[in-house]
Amino acid sequence: MTRQATPMSKSKTKPKRTRYSQAYRDEALALAERVGVSEAAEQLGLQPAQIYQWRIKARNAASQSQREQALADENARLKRQLSEANEELAITKKAAAYFARNQK
């Protein structure tokens, strides 16, 4: 069976893309985890590739949020370390000034 060429009409319009909400995507991914991607795609009337793409994007988002959390933890640790170093420096300066005054 071969495809027949369709005559070109003057009003060529692309079909509108369907935009799915994040909640719908999350439910579709949950369904795909339970019954498999092919079965979920068939039940939802989607292409399996669409579910695979949603899965990849969800994993990347989770991975990025984990990286952001790790960076925030490291930032907090470094701020504490800097604060301690500044405090030690201030104490050392006061001690040096005290001993310098008493030696004269």
Protein backbone atom coordinates (compact mmCIF):
# COMPACT_ATOMS: atom_id res chain seq x y z
CA MET A 1 0.00 0.00 0.00
CA THR A 2 1.56 3.26 -1.09
CA ARG A 3 0.79 6.76 -0.03
CA GLN A 4 -0.92 8.92 -2.51
CA ALA A 5 0.30 12.47 -2.93
CA THR A 6 -2.28 14.92 -1.73
CA PRO A 7 -2.87 17.97 -3.84
CA MET A 8 -1.47 21.13 -2.34
CA SER A 9 -4.15 23.47 -1.23
CA LYS A 10 -3.75 27.19 -0.76
CA SER A 11 -4.55 27.07 2.93
CA LYS A 12 -1.92 24.86 4.50
CA THR A 13 -2.34 24.74 8.23
CA LYS A 14 -0.34 22.70 10.64
CA PRO A 15 -2.26 20.74 13.19
CA LYS A 16 -2.20 22.36 16.62
CA ARG A 17 0.15 20.79 19.11
CA THR A 18 -1.47 19.45 22.20
CA ARG A 19 0.10 20.73 25.38
CA TYR A 20 -0.29 18.47 28.36
CA SER A 21 -0.24 19.73 31.92
CA GLN A 22 2.53 18.67 34.27
CA ALA A 23 -0.01 16.75 36.36
CA TYR A 24 -1.10 14.79 33.28
CA ARG A 25 2.52 14.01 32.44
CA ASP A 26 3.21 12.84 35.98
CA GLU A 27 0.16 10.57 35.90
CA ALA A 28 1.17 9.21 32.49
CA LEU A 29 4.66 8.43 33.80
CA ALA A 30 3.19 6.71 36.85
CA LEU A 31 0.95 4.63 34.60
CA ALA A 32 3.93 3.78 32.40
CA GLU A 33 5.81 2.57 35.48
CA ARG A 34 2.91 0.29 36.43
CA VAL A 35 1.89 -1.19 33.08
CA GLY A 36 4.79 -0.36 30.76
CA VAL A 37 5.38 2.43 28.31
CA SER A 38 3.77 0.80 25.27
CA GLU A 39 0.60 -0.13 27.12
CA ALA A 40 0.35 3.30 28.78
CA ALA A 41 0.85 5.06 25.45
CA GLU A 42 -1.87 2.94 23.88
CA GLN A 43 -4.29 3.60 26.73
CA LEU A 44 -3.64 7.35 26.65
CA GLY A 45 -3.55 7.69 22.88
CA LEU A 46 0.05 8.90 22.85
CA GLN A 47 3.18 7.82 21.07
CA PRO A 48 5.58 5.80 23.24
CA ALA A 49 8.37 8.21 22.28
CA GLN A 50 6.42 11.02 23.96
CA ILE A 51 6.35 9.14 27.27
CA TYR A 52 10.05 8.32 26.94
CA GLN A 53 10.81 12.02 26.41
CA TRP A 54 8.73 12.99 29.45
CA ARG A 55 10.60 10.38 31.49
CA ILE A 56 13.98 11.76 30.40
CA LYS A 57 12.95 15.33 31.24
CA ALA A 58 11.62 14.28 34.65
CA ARG A 59 14.86 12.48 35.50
CA ASN A 60 16.93 15.47 34.36
CA ALA A 61 14.84 17.81 36.51
CA ALA A 62 15.27 15.54 39.53
CA SER A 63 18.98 15.29 38.88
CA GLN A 64 19.29 19.06 38.60
CA SER A 65 17.41 19.64 41.83
CA GLN A 66 19.74 17.18 43.56
CA ARG A 67 22.74 19.10 42.19
CA GLU A 68 21.26 22.39 43.37
CA GLN A 69 20.72 20.93 46.84
CA ALA A 70 24.30 19.65 46.93
CA LEU A 71 25.59 23.08 45.91
CA ALA A 72 23.44 24.76 48.56
CA ASP A 73 24.80 22.39 51.22
CA GLU A 74 28.37 23.05 50.13
CA ASN A 75 27.71 26.79 50.10
CA ALA A 76 26.41 26.67 53.68
CA ARG A 77 29.43 24.62 54.78
CA LEU A 78 31.83 27.07 53.18
CA LYS A 79 30.06 30.04 54.77
CA ARG A 80 30.41 28.42 58.21
CA GLN A 81 34.08 27.71 57.52
CA LEU A 82 34.68 31.32 56.44
CA SER A 83 32.90 32.64 59.52
CA GLU A 84 35.08 30.48 61.79
CA ALA A 85 38.24 31.59 59.99
CA ASN A 86 37.24 35.26 60.33
CA GLU A 87 36.54 34.76 64.03
CA GLU A 88 39.93 33.10 64.57
CA LEU A 89 41.64 35.92 62.67
CA ALA A 90 39.92 38.55 64.80
CA ILE A 91 41.02 36.76 68.00
CA THR A 92 44.58 36.49 66.71
CA LYS A 93 44.68 40.21 65.84
CA LYS A 94 43.41 41.15 69.32
CA ALA A 95 46.00 38.88 70.96
CA ALA A 96 48.82 40.30 68.82
CA ALA A 97 47.76 43.86 69.68
CA TYR A 98 47.59 42.98 73.40
CA PHE A 99 51.05 41.42 73.49
CA ALA A 100 52.55 44.21 71.39
CA ARG A 101 51.23 46.79 73.87
CA ASN A 102 52.63 44.91 76.89
CA GLN A 103 56.14 44.51 75.42
CA LYS A 104 56.81 48.26 75.22
